[in-house]
Amino acid sequence: MKNKLKKNWKLFLIASLTLGLAPFREPHIWGKLKWIAGGNAFSINDAMQLQDWFDVLLHGTPWVLLLISIVLNFSASQVKND
């Protein structure tokens, strides 16, 4: 599993730049992260619905996988240098 995550960094990068940033005018992930970080938390009408959380999962997964891949590759290169 670790090797697949390390090897597929290019796929994760492409997925992050396409699905992770869709739609390109104002990415959903950016708006949802701002919403989670502190916007409209006290208004019942503006609370995040299930579809909003699914949006965060869908658009955020490529970024999480890319970050994991980068960390694994970086830590592997640090071990080789020691």
PDB file of N, CA and C in Angstrom:
ATOM      1  N   MET A   1       0.816  -1.196   0.000  1.00  0.00           N
ATOM      2  CA  MET A   1       0.000   0.000   0.000  1.00  0.00           C
ATOM      3  C   MET A   1       0.858   1.258   0.000  1.00  0.00           C
ATOM      4  N   LYS A   2       1.911   1.262   0.823  1.00  0.00           N
ATOM      5  CA  LYS A   2       2.801   2.419   0.881  1.00  0.00           C
ATOM      6  C   LYS A   2       3.465   2.667  -0.471  1.00  0.00           C
ATOM      7  N   ASN A   3       3.884   1.581  -1.118  1.00  0.00           N
ATOM      8  CA  ASN A   3       4.552   1.727  -2.416  1.00  0.00           C
ATOM      9  C   ASN A   3       3.616   2.319  -3.460  1.00  0.00           C
ATOM     10  N   LYS A   4       2.346   1.915  -3.441  1.00  0.00           N
ATOM     11  CA  LYS A   4       1.384   2.472  -4.381  1.00  0.00           C
ATOM     12  C   LYS A   4       1.178   3.961  -4.126  1.00  0.00           C
ATOM     13  N   LEU A   5       1.105   4.327  -2.857  1.00  0.00           N
ATOM     14  CA  LEU A   5       0.950   5.744  -2.534  1.00  0.00           C
ATOM     15  C   LEU A   5       2.179   6.548  -2.957  1.00  0.00           C
ATOM     16  N   LYS A   6       3.363   5.969  -2.787  1.00  0.00           N
ATOM     17  CA  LYS A   6       4.588   6.660  -3.168  1.00  0.00           C
ATOM     18  C   LYS A   6       4.724   6.779  -4.680  1.00  0.00           C
ATOM     19  N   LYS A   7       4.372   5.726  -5.412  1.00  0.00           N
ATOM     20  CA  LYS A   7       4.561   5.706  -6.868  1.00  0.00           C
ATOM     21  C   LYS A   7       3.556   6.567  -7.613  1.00  0.00           C
ATOM     22  N   ASN A   8       2.362   6.732  -7.081  1.00  0.00           N
ATOM     23  CA  ASN A   8       1.286   7.394  -7.814  1.00  0.00           C
ATOM     24  C   ASN A   8       1.176   8.889  -7.553  1.00  0.00           C
ATOM     25  N   TRP A   9       2.253   9.542  -7.190  1.00  0.00           N
ATOM     26  CA  TRP A   9       2.184  10.958  -6.891  1.00  0.00           C
ATOM     27  C   TRP A   9       1.763  11.780  -8.104  1.00  0.00           C
ATOM     28  N   LYS A  10       2.140  11.340  -9.314  1.00  0.00           N
ATOM     29  CA  LYS A  10       1.755  12.079 -10.521  1.00  0.00           C
ATOM     30  C   LYS A  10       0.241  12.012 -10.732  1.00  0.00           C
ATOM     31  N   LEU A  11      -0.333  10.842 -10.519  1.00  0.00           N
ATOM     32  CA  LEU A  11      -1.780  10.684 -10.631  1.00  0.00           C
ATOM     33  C   LEU A  11      -2.500  11.557  -9.609  1.00  0.00           C
ATOM     34  N   PHE A  12      -1.999  11.577  -8.387  1.00  0.00           N
ATOM     35  CA  PHE A  12      -2.607  12.395  -7.336  1.00  0.00           C
ATOM     36  C   PHE A  12      -2.482  13.885  -7.662  1.00  0.00           C
ATOM     37  N   LEU A  13      -1.370  14.277  -8.270  1.00  0.00           N
ATOM     38  CA  LEU A  13      -1.184  15.669  -8.661  1.00  0.00           C
ATOM     39  C   LEU A  13      -2.194  16.058  -9.741  1.00  0.00           C
ATOM     40  N   ILE A  14      -2.355  15.215 -10.743  1.00  0.00           N
ATOM     41  CA  ILE A  14      -3.322  15.493 -11.816  1.00  0.00           C
ATOM     42  C   ILE A  14      -4.738  15.538 -11.244  1.00  0.00           C
ATOM     43  N   ALA A  15      -5.067  14.592 -10.370  1.00  0.00           N
ATOM     44  CA  ALA A  15      -6.399  14.575  -9.758  1.00  0.00           C
ATOM     45  C   ALA A  15      -6.623  15.821  -8.908  1.00  0.00           C
ATOM     46  N   SER A  16      -5.601  16.273  -8.212  1.00  0.00           N
ATOM     47  CA  SER A  16      -5.733  17.469  -7.377  1.00  0.00           C
ATOM     48  C   SER A  16      -5.951  18.712  -8.220  1.00  0.00           C
ATOM     49  N   LEU A  17      -5.259  18.786  -9.350  1.00  0.00           N
ATOM     50  CA  LEU A  17      -5.384  19.965 -10.200  1.00  0.00           C
ATOM     51  C   LEU A  17      -6.668  19.972 -11.028  1.00  0.00           C
ATOM     52  N   THR A  18      -7.285  18.814 -11.204  1.00  0.00           N
ATOM     53  CA  THR A  18      -8.528  18.762 -11.974  1.00  0.00           C
ATOM     54  C   THR A  18      -9.726  18.647 -11.030  1.00  0.00           C
ATOM     55  N   LEU A  19      -9.934  17.482 -10.460  1.00  0.00           N
ATOM     56  CA  LEU A  19     -11.072  17.259  -9.567  1.00  0.00           C
ATOM     57  C   LEU A  19     -10.951  18.090  -8.293  1.00  0.00           C
ATOM     58  N   GLY A  20      -9.759  18.209  -7.771  1.00  0.00           N
ATOM     59  CA  GLY A  20      -9.552  18.940  -6.520  1.00  0.00           C
ATOM     60  C   GLY A  20      -9.813  20.430  -6.632  1.00  0.00           C
ATOM     61  N   LEU A  21      -9.680  20.994  -7.838  1.00  0.00           N
ATOM     62  CA  LEU A  21      -9.897  22.426  -8.021  1.00  0.00           C
ATOM     63  C   LEU A  21     -11.175  22.753  -8.795  1.00  0.00           C
ATOM     64  N   ALA A  22     -11.974  21.739  -9.092  1.00  0.00           N
ATOM     65  CA  ALA A  22     -13.209  21.981  -9.849  1.00  0.00           C
ATOM     66  C   ALA A  22     -14.238  22.669  -8.976  1.00  0.00           C
ATOM     67  N   PRO A  23     -15.068  23.510  -9.477  1.00  0.00           N
ATOM     68  CA  PRO A  23     -14.968  24.249 -10.734  1.00  0.00           C
ATOM     69  C   PRO A  23     -13.873  25.302 -10.640  1.00  0.00           C
ATOM     70  N   PHE A  24     -13.337  25.678 -11.746  1.00  0.00           N
ATOM     71  CA  PHE A  24     -12.100  26.449 -11.755  1.00  0.00           C
ATOM     72  C   PHE A  24     -12.261  27.930 -11.422  1.00  0.00           C
ATOM     73  N   ARG A  25     -13.444  28.481 -11.536  1.00  0.00           N
ATOM     74  CA  ARG A  25     -13.617  29.906 -11.172  1.00  0.00           C
ATOM     75  C   ARG A  25     -13.454  30.106  -9.677  1.00  0.00           C
ATOM     76  N   GLU A  26     -14.205  29.357  -8.894  1.00  0.00           N
ATOM     77  CA  GLU A  26     -14.045  29.357  -7.438  1.00  0.00           C
ATOM     78  C   GLU A  26     -14.189  27.913  -6.982  1.00  0.00           C
ATOM     79  N   PRO A  27     -13.071  27.251  -6.685  1.00  0.00           N
ATOM     80  CA  PRO A  27     -13.119  25.835  -6.324  1.00  0.00           C
ATOM     81  C   PRO A  27     -14.026  25.556  -5.129  1.00  0.00           C
ATOM     82  N   HIS A  28     -14.800  24.474  -5.231  1.00  0.00           N
ATOM     83  CA  HIS A  28     -15.691  24.070  -4.146  1.00  0.00           C
ATOM     84  C   HIS A  28     -14.911  23.847  -2.859  1.00  0.00           C
ATOM     85  N   ILE A  29     -13.762  23.211  -2.972  1.00  0.00           N
ATOM     86  CA  ILE A  29     -13.004  22.862  -1.766  1.00  0.00           C
ATOM     87  C   ILE A  29     -12.616  24.126  -0.999  1.00  0.00           C
ATOM     88  N   TRP A  30     -12.265  25.190  -1.706  1.00  0.00           N
ATOM     89  CA  TRP A  30     -11.877  26.431  -1.038  1.00  0.00           C
ATOM     90  C   TRP A  30     -13.062  27.031  -0.285  1.00  0.00           C
ATOM     91  N   GLY A  31     -14.217  27.085  -0.939  1.00  0.00           N
ATOM     92  CA  GLY A  31     -15.402  27.619  -0.286  1.00  0.00           C
ATOM     93  C   GLY A  31     -15.831  26.788   0.914  1.00  0.00           C
ATOM     94  N   LYS A  32     -15.765  25.464   0.774  1.00  0.00           N
ATOM     95  CA  LYS A  32     -16.174  24.583   1.875  1.00  0.00           C
ATOM     96  C   LYS A  32     -15.202  24.686   3.045  1.00  0.00           C
ATOM     97  N   LEU A  33     -13.905  24.791   2.760  1.00  0.00           N
ATOM     98  CA  LEU A  33     -12.926  24.926   3.846  1.00  0.00           C
ATOM     99  C   LEU A  33     -13.117  26.244   4.596  1.00  0.00           C
ATOM    100  N   LYS A  34     -13.419  27.314   3.862  1.00  0.00           N
ATOM    101  CA  LYS A  34     -13.709  28.592   4.531  1.00  0.00           C
ATOM    102  C   LYS A  34     -14.960  28.468   5.387  1.00  0.00           C
ATOM    103  N   TRP A  35     -15.945  27.749   4.888  1.00  0.00           N
ATOM    104  CA  TRP A  35     -17.198  27.540   5.604  1.00  0.00           C
ATOM    105  C   TRP A  35     -16.952  26.758   6.894  1.00  0.00           C
ATOM    106  N   ILE A  36     -16.159  25.696   6.794  1.00  0.00           N
ATOM    107  CA  ILE A  36     -15.842  24.868   7.965  1.00  0.00           C
ATOM    108  C   ILE A  36     -15.015  25.675   8.974  1.00  0.00           C
ATOM    109  N   ALA A  37     -14.099  26.493   8.476  1.00  0.00           N
ATOM    110  CA  ALA A  37     -13.180  27.233   9.347  1.00  0.00           C
ATOM    111  C   ALA A  37     -13.863  28.291  10.197  1.00  0.00           C
ATOM    112  N   GLY A  38     -15.064  28.684   9.856  1.00  0.00           N
ATOM    113  CA  GLY A  38     -15.676  29.665  10.731  1.00  0.00           C
ATOM    114  C   GLY A  38     -16.829  30.426  10.139  1.00  0.00           C
ATOM    115  N   GLY A  39     -17.185  30.116   8.945  1.00  0.00           N
ATOM    116  CA  GLY A  39     -18.288  30.851   8.353  1.00  0.00           C
ATOM    117  C   GLY A  39     -19.627  30.212   8.638  1.00  0.00           C
ATOM    118  N   ASN A  40     -20.562  30.987   9.124  1.00  0.00           N
ATOM    119  CA  ASN A  40     -21.964  30.594   9.263  1.00  0.00           C
ATOM    120  C   ASN A  40     -22.195  29.378  10.155  1.00  0.00           C
ATOM    121  N   ALA A  41     -21.411  29.217  11.177  1.00  0.00           N
ATOM    122  CA  ALA A  41     -21.549  28.042  12.033  1.00  0.00           C
ATOM    123  C   ALA A  41     -22.771  28.120  12.948  1.00  0.00           C
ATOM    124  N   PHE A  42     -23.291  29.324  13.183  1.00  0.00           N
ATOM    125  CA  PHE A  42     -24.367  29.469  14.154  1.00  0.00           C
ATOM    126  C   PHE A  42     -25.747  29.618  13.526  1.00  0.00           C
ATOM    127  N   SER A  43     -25.804  29.741  12.228  1.00  0.00           N
ATOM    128  CA  SER A  43     -27.095  29.880  11.556  1.00  0.00           C
ATOM    129  C   SER A  43     -27.587  28.511  11.113  1.00  0.00           C
ATOM    130  N   ILE A  44     -28.756  28.112  11.557  1.00  0.00           N
ATOM    131  CA  ILE A  44     -29.297  26.796  11.231  1.00  0.00           C
ATOM    132  C   ILE A  44     -29.592  26.684   9.738  1.00  0.00           C
ATOM    133  N   ASN A  45     -29.951  27.797   9.100  1.00  0.00           N
ATOM    134  CA  ASN A  45     -30.255  27.772   7.671  1.00  0.00           C
ATOM    135  C   ASN A  45     -29.007  27.624   6.818  1.00  0.00           C
ATOM    136  N   ASP A  46     -27.869  28.057   7.349  1.00  0.00           N
ATOM    137  CA  ASP A  46     -26.620  27.995   6.599  1.00  0.00           C
ATOM    138  C   ASP A  46     -25.721  26.853   7.029  1.00  0.00           C
ATOM    139  N   ALA A  47     -26.227  25.943   7.860  1.00  0.00           N
ATOM    140  CA  ALA A  47     -25.416  24.822   8.315  1.00  0.00           C
ATOM    141  C   ALA A  47     -25.094  23.908   7.137  1.00  0.00           C
ATOM    142  N   MET A  48     -23.954  23.269   7.205  1.00  0.00           N
ATOM    143  CA  MET A  48     -23.550  22.375   6.119  1.00  0.00           C
ATOM    144  C   MET A  48     -24.443  21.145   6.106  1.00  0.00           C
ATOM    145  N   GLN A  49     -24.908  20.821   4.936  1.00  0.00           N
ATOM    146  CA  GLN A  49     -25.752  19.648   4.727  1.00  0.00           C
ATOM    147  C   GLN A  49     -24.871  18.456   4.365  1.00  0.00           C
ATOM    148  N   LEU A  50     -25.479  17.288   4.247  1.00  0.00           N
ATOM    149  CA  LEU A  50     -24.747  16.074   3.891  1.00  0.00           C
ATOM    150  C   LEU A  50     -24.048  16.232   2.541  1.00  0.00           C
ATOM    151  N   GLN A  51     -24.691  16.868   1.589  1.00  0.00           N
ATOM    152  CA  GLN A  51     -24.084  17.036   0.274  1.00  0.00           C
ATOM    153  C   GLN A  51     -22.851  17.944   0.349  1.00  0.00           C
ATOM    154  N   ASP A  52     -22.829  18.898   1.272  1.00  0.00           N
ATOM    155  CA  ASP A  52     -21.666  19.762   1.452  1.00  0.00           C
ATOM    156  C   ASP A  52     -20.479  18.964   1.993  1.00  0.00           C
ATOM    157  N   TRP A  53     -20.743  18.083   2.938  1.00  0.00           N
ATOM    158  CA  TRP A  53     -19.677  17.233   3.475  1.00  0.00           C
ATOM    159  C   TRP A  53     -19.176  16.259   2.403  1.00  0.00           C
ATOM    160  N   PHE A  54     -20.085  15.765   1.554  1.00  0.00           N
ATOM    161  CA  PHE A  54     -19.672  14.900   0.454  1.00  0.00           C
ATOM    162  C   PHE A  54     -18.786  15.673  -0.519  1.00  0.00           C
ATOM    163  N   ASP A  55     -19.109  16.939  -0.761  1.00  0.00           N
ATOM    164  CA  ASP A  55     -18.281  17.794  -1.609  1.00  0.00           C
ATOM    165  C   ASP A  55     -16.871  17.928  -1.039  1.00  0.00           C
ATOM    166  N   VAL A  56     -16.783  18.133   0.264  1.00  0.00           N
ATOM    167  CA  VAL A  56     -15.471  18.230   0.915  1.00  0.00           C
ATOM    168  C   VAL A  56     -14.696  16.930   0.724  1.00  0.00           C
ATOM    169  N   LEU A  57     -15.356  15.795   0.919  1.00  0.00           N
ATOM    170  CA  LEU A  57     -14.717  14.497   0.733  1.00  0.00           C
ATOM    171  C   LEU A  57     -14.270  14.308  -0.716  1.00  0.00           C
ATOM    172  N   LEU A  58     -15.146  14.601  -1.648  1.00  0.00           N
ATOM    173  CA  LEU A  58     -14.850  14.382  -3.060  1.00  0.00           C
ATOM    174  C   LEU A  58     -13.717  15.262  -3.556  1.00  0.00           C
ATOM    175  N   HIS A  59     -13.761  16.550  -3.241  1.00  0.00           N
ATOM    176  CA  HIS A  59     -12.749  17.477  -3.735  1.00  0.00           C
ATOM    177  C   HIS A  59     -11.491  17.498  -2.874  1.00  0.00           C
ATOM    178  N   GLY A  60     -11.580  16.993  -1.649  1.00  0.00           N
ATOM    179  CA  GLY A  60     -10.419  17.001  -0.765  1.00  0.00           C
ATOM    180  C   GLY A  60      -9.562  15.747  -0.820  1.00  0.00           C
ATOM    181  N   THR A  61     -10.147  14.631  -1.220  1.00  0.00           N
ATOM    182  CA  THR A  61      -9.415  13.364  -1.250  1.00  0.00           C
ATOM    183  C   THR A  61      -8.151  13.414  -2.110  1.00  0.00           C
ATOM    184  N   PRO A  62      -8.192  13.967  -3.328  1.00  0.00           N
ATOM    185  CA  PRO A  62      -6.950  14.020  -4.113  1.00  0.00           C
ATOM    186  C   PRO A  62      -5.836  14.792  -3.414  1.00  0.00           C
ATOM    187  N   TRP A  63      -6.209  15.859  -2.718  1.00  0.00           N
ATOM    188  CA  TRP A  63      -5.200  16.653  -2.008  1.00  0.00           C
ATOM    189  C   TRP A  63      -4.597  15.878  -0.841  1.00  0.00           C
ATOM    190  N   VAL A  64      -5.435  15.136  -0.131  1.00  0.00           N
ATOM    191  CA  VAL A  64      -4.933  14.330   0.993  1.00  0.00           C
ATOM    192  C   VAL A  64      -3.998  13.239   0.480  1.00  0.00           C
ATOM    193  N   LEU A  65      -4.391  12.573  -0.603  1.00  0.00           N
ATOM    194  CA  LEU A  65      -3.541  11.521  -1.170  1.00  0.00           C
ATOM    195  C   LEU A  65      -2.219  12.092  -1.679  1.00  0.00           C
ATOM    196  N   LEU A  66      -2.261  13.268  -2.305  1.00  0.00           N
ATOM    197  CA  LEU A  66      -1.027  13.909  -2.776  1.00  0.00           C
ATOM    198  C   LEU A  66      -0.124  14.258  -1.599  1.00  0.00           C
ATOM    199  N   LEU A  67      -0.685  14.786  -0.541  1.00  0.00           N
ATOM    200  CA  LEU A  67       0.101  15.132   0.640  1.00  0.00           C
ATOM    201  C   LEU A  67       0.744  13.893   1.263  1.00  0.00           C
ATOM    202  N   ILE A  68      -0.018  12.811   1.377  1.00  0.00           N
ATOM    203  CA  ILE A  68       0.517  11.557   1.927  1.00  0.00           C
ATOM    204  C   ILE A  68       1.652  11.053   1.057  1.00  0.00           C
ATOM    205  N   SER A  69       1.466  11.092  -0.256  1.00  0.00           N
ATOM    206  CA  SER A  69       2.492  10.624  -1.181  1.00  0.00           C
ATOM    207  C   SER A  69       3.771  11.450  -1.067  1.00  0.00           C
ATOM    208  N   ILE A  70       3.617  12.763  -0.970  1.00  0.00           N
ATOM    209  CA  ILE A  70       4.787  13.639  -0.837  1.00  0.00           C
ATOM    210  C   ILE A  70       5.529  13.352   0.462  1.00  0.00           C
ATOM    211  N   VAL A  71       4.794  13.189   1.550  1.00  0.00           N
ATOM    212  CA  VAL A  71       5.433  12.900   2.843  1.00  0.00           C
ATOM    213  C   VAL A  71       6.167  11.568   2.791  1.00  0.00           C
ATOM    214  N   LEU A  72       5.542  10.545   2.212  1.00  0.00           N
ATOM    215  CA  LEU A  72       6.189   9.238   2.121  1.00  0.00           C
ATOM    216  C   LEU A  72       7.440   9.290   1.254  1.00  0.00           C
ATOM    217  N   ASN A  73       7.374   9.995   0.130  1.00  0.00           N
ATOM    218  CA  ASN A  73       8.544  10.113  -0.738  1.00  0.00           C
ATOM    219  C   ASN A  73       9.649  10.923  -0.079  1.00  0.00           C
ATOM    220  N   PHE A  74       9.269  11.970   0.627  1.00  0.00           N
ATOM    221  CA  PHE A  74      10.266  12.790   1.304  1.00  0.00           C
ATOM    222  C   PHE A  74      10.939  12.011   2.429  1.00  0.00           C
ATOM    223  N   SER A  75      10.147  11.278   3.197  1.00  0.00           N
ATOM    224  CA  SER A  75      10.738  10.498   4.296  1.00  0.00           C
ATOM    225  C   SER A  75      11.611   9.372   3.752  1.00  0.00           C
ATOM    226  N   ALA A  76      11.260   8.781   2.612  1.00  0.00           N
ATOM    227  CA  ALA A  76      12.089   7.744   2.007  1.00  0.00           C
ATOM    228  C   ALA A  76      13.416   8.319   1.524  1.00  0.00           C
ATOM    229  N   SER A  77      13.383   9.528   0.986  1.00  0.00           N
ATOM    230  CA  SER A  77      14.628  10.142   0.520  1.00  0.00           C
ATOM    231  C   SER A  77      15.506  10.545   1.706  1.00  0.00           C
ATOM    232  N   GLN A  78      14.900  10.912   2.834  1.00  0.00           N
ATOM    233  CA  GLN A  78      15.676  11.265   4.027  1.00  0.00           C
ATOM    234  C   GLN A  78      16.376  10.035   4.592  1.00  0.00           C
ATOM    235  N   VAL A  79      15.715   8.885   4.534  1.00  0.00           N
ATOM    236  CA  VAL A  79      16.309   7.650   5.040  1.00  0.00           C
ATOM    237  C   VAL A  79      17.496   7.240   4.169  1.00  0.00           C
ATOM    238  N   LYS A  80      17.384   7.418   2.852  1.00  0.00           N
ATOM    239  CA  LYS A  80      18.462   7.088   1.930  1.00  0.00           C
ATOM    240  C   LYS A  80      19.677   7.983   2.141  1.00  0.00           C
ATOM    241  N   ASN A  81      19.443   9.257   2.490  1.00  0.00           N
ATOM    242  CA  ASN A  81      20.541  10.200   2.680  1.00  0.00           C
ATOM    243  C   ASN A  81      21.290   9.985   3.986  1.00  0.00           C
ATOM    244  N   ASP A  82      20.667   9.345   4.953  1.00  0.00           N
ATOM    245  CA  ASP A  82      21.326   9.134   6.265  1.00  0.00           C
ATOM    246  C   ASP A  82      22.317   8.026   6.243  1.00  0.00           C
TER     247      ASP A  82
END
